Amino acid sequence: MTTTAHSHLYVGKTAQLSRTVSSDDISLFTDISGDRNPIHYDPAAAKASRFGEIVVQGGVTSAILNAVVAEELPGPGTVFLNVNWDFVAPVRPGDVITGIVEVTEVRTDKPITKIKTKVVRGDGIVVLEGTAVCYTMSLDAEKG
């Protein structure tokens, strides 16, 4: 029997990873993206915003899902083909965030998996939710 890159997947399978977000993440993401929005840096601007204090960029929040997908489920060799995410609450420096994915569909004709995604703050508030489509390439085939 041939084992495919996604043969270990089944509908309902879940995985998660957690990390603490820091103000260094804001600076690093700014270096990568150029996002210098004042709500990420200026306490007065952030206080006047609907968030009331400094918040991290959405890319910092969603990055935990990149880690879950690439490291856990579907796993190494996986890339996003499509994401549909709603950012529903802020993340601030010092927050612990947990990225959670759940398999909702596994294609049998191609190494494509659909997943439900969410990111939850340490206080239990969902900060991001949505769906994604992933492609998992066989890393063994790439070596040969």
Protein backbone atom coordinates (compact mmCIF):
# COMPACT_ATOMS: atom_id res chain seq x y z
CA MET A 1 0.00 0.00 0.00
CA THR A 2 1.32 3.46 -0.88
CA THR A 3 1.26 6.03 1.90
CA THR A 4 0.33 9.53 0.78
CA ALA A 5 1.38 12.75 2.44
CA HIS A 6 -2.08 13.07 4.00
CA SER A 7 -3.03 9.44 4.72
CA HIS A 8 -2.92 10.13 8.48
CA LEU A 9 -5.71 12.71 8.22
CA TYR A 10 -9.38 12.25 8.98
CA VAL A 11 -12.37 14.53 9.46
CA GLY A 12 -12.46 15.75 13.06
CA LYS A 13 -8.73 15.43 13.73
CA THR A 14 -7.38 18.48 15.59
CA ALA A 15 -4.07 20.03 16.55
CA GLN A 16 -2.96 23.16 18.37
CA LEU A 17 0.08 25.19 19.38
CA SER A 18 0.45 28.11 21.80
CA ARG A 19 2.85 30.99 22.23
CA THR A 20 3.16 34.27 24.09
CA VAL A 21 3.05 37.34 21.87
CA SER A 22 5.56 40.11 22.67
CA SER A 23 6.22 43.69 21.65
CA ASP A 24 9.28 42.30 19.82
CA ASP A 25 6.82 40.48 17.52
CA ILE A 26 5.38 43.86 16.52
CA SER A 27 8.85 45.15 15.61
CA LEU A 28 9.83 41.99 13.74
CA PHE A 29 6.58 41.96 11.78
CA THR A 30 7.06 45.65 10.92
CA ASP A 31 10.52 44.84 9.56
CA ILE A 32 9.00 42.15 7.33
CA SER A 33 5.80 43.89 6.28
CA GLY A 34 6.36 47.63 6.63
CA ASP A 35 3.16 47.90 8.71
CA ARG A 36 3.78 50.94 10.92
CA ASN A 37 0.15 51.59 11.87
CA PRO A 38 0.16 53.83 14.99
CA ILE A 39 -2.14 51.44 16.89
CA HIS A 40 0.83 49.06 17.04
CA TYR A 41 3.31 51.65 18.38
CA ASP A 42 1.75 54.88 19.65
CA PRO A 43 0.06 54.46 23.07
CA ALA A 44 -1.99 57.68 22.59
CA ALA A 45 -3.25 56.61 19.16
CA ALA A 46 -3.96 53.11 20.42
CA LYS A 47 -5.80 54.45 23.50
CA ALA A 48 -8.00 56.60 21.22
CA SER A 49 -8.81 53.58 19.03
CA ARG A 50 -11.59 51.08 19.64
CA PHE A 51 -8.94 48.76 21.13
CA GLY A 52 -7.91 51.13 23.92
CA GLU A 53 -4.28 50.03 23.93
CA ILE A 54 -1.45 48.73 21.74
CA VAL A 55 -2.43 45.72 19.61
CA VAL A 56 -0.29 43.40 17.48
CA GLN A 57 -0.68 43.17 13.72
CA GLY A 58 -3.14 40.61 12.35
CA GLY A 59 -0.23 38.87 10.63
CA VAL A 60 1.32 38.18 14.03
CA THR A 61 -1.97 36.70 15.24
CA SER A 62 -2.50 34.50 12.20
CA ALA A 63 1.13 33.32 12.12
CA ILE A 64 0.43 30.76 14.85
CA LEU A 65 -1.79 28.98 12.31
CA ASN A 66 1.13 28.76 9.87
CA ALA A 67 3.04 26.95 12.61
CA VAL A 68 0.20 24.55 13.45
CA VAL A 69 -0.34 23.65 9.79
CA ALA A 70 3.36 23.23 8.97
CA GLU A 71 4.41 21.48 12.17
CA GLU A 72 1.36 19.53 13.35
CA LEU A 73 -1.68 19.17 11.09
CA PRO A 74 -1.58 18.41 8.21
CA GLY A 75 2.17 18.64 8.97
CA PRO A 76 5.56 19.14 7.28
CA GLY A 77 5.34 19.94 3.58
CA THR A 78 2.00 21.73 3.96
CA VAL A 79 1.24 25.15 2.50
CA PHE A 80 -1.92 27.25 2.46
CA LEU A 81 -3.77 27.44 -0.86
CA ASN A 82 -6.58 29.62 0.47
CA VAL A 83 -7.51 31.24 3.78
CA ASN A 84 -10.71 32.91 4.87
CA TRP A 85 -10.17 34.51 8.26
CA ASP A 86 -12.19 36.93 10.37
CA PHE A 87 -10.25 38.88 13.00
CA VAL A 88 -12.84 39.25 15.75
CA ALA A 89 -10.90 40.51 18.79
CA PRO A 90 -7.51 42.13 19.44
CA VAL A 91 -4.28 40.55 20.61
CA ARG A 92 -1.95 42.57 22.79
CA PRO A 93 1.68 42.13 23.75
CA GLY A 94 1.83 39.67 26.64
CA ASP A 95 -1.20 37.65 25.48
CA VAL A 96 -0.87 33.90 25.12
CA ILE A 97 -2.48 32.76 21.89
CA THR A 98 -3.38 29.24 20.82
CA GLY A 99 -3.88 28.32 17.19
CA ILE A 100 -6.30 25.44 16.68
CA VAL A 101 -7.08 23.58 13.46
CA GLU A 102 -9.65 20.88 12.75
CA VAL A 103 -9.85 18.79 9.60
CA THR A 104 -13.22 19.21 7.86
CA GLU A 105 -12.47 17.49 4.54
CA VAL A 106 -9.74 15.25 3.12
CA ARG A 107 -9.59 14.82 -0.64
CA THR A 108 -8.76 11.30 -1.79
CA ASP A 109 -7.71 12.31 -5.31
CA LYS A 110 -5.20 15.01 -4.29
CA PRO A 111 -3.21 15.89 -1.13
CA ILE A 112 -5.63 18.69 -0.31
CA THR A 113 -7.21 19.18 3.09
CA LYS A 114 -9.85 21.67 4.25
CA ILE A 115 -9.59 22.84 7.85
CA LYS A 116 -11.48 24.97 10.33
CA THR A 117 -9.15 27.45 12.02
CA LYS A 118 -9.24 29.60 15.11
CA VAL A 119 -6.93 31.49 17.42
CA VAL A 120 -7.88 31.87 21.06
CA ARG A 121 -6.36 34.22 23.66
CA GLY A 122 -5.38 32.89 27.06
CA ASP A 123 -8.55 34.42 28.55
CA GLY A 124 -10.67 32.19 26.28
CA ILE A 125 -11.67 34.90 23.80
CA VAL A 126 -11.62 33.82 20.14
CA VAL A 127 -9.56 36.40 18.24
CA LEU A 128 -9.54 34.83 14.76
CA GLU A 129 -11.80 32.26 13.15
CA GLY A 130 -12.31 30.89 9.69
CA THR A 131 -11.30 28.21 7.23
CA ALA A 132 -8.37 27.25 5.06
CA VAL A 133 -7.46 24.91 2.25
CA CYS A 134 -4.05 23.24 2.46
CA TYR A 135 -1.84 21.32 0.07
CA THR A 136 0.61 18.79 1.50
CA MET A 137 3.50 17.80 -0.72
CA SER A 138 5.44 14.63 -0.10
CA LEU A 139 8.82 15.67 1.22
CA ASP A 140 10.25 12.20 0.45
CA ALA A 141 9.50 12.71 -3.24
CA GLU A 142 11.24 16.09 -3.16
CA LYS A 143 14.46 14.51 -1.84
CA GLY A 144 14.75 11.93 -4.61
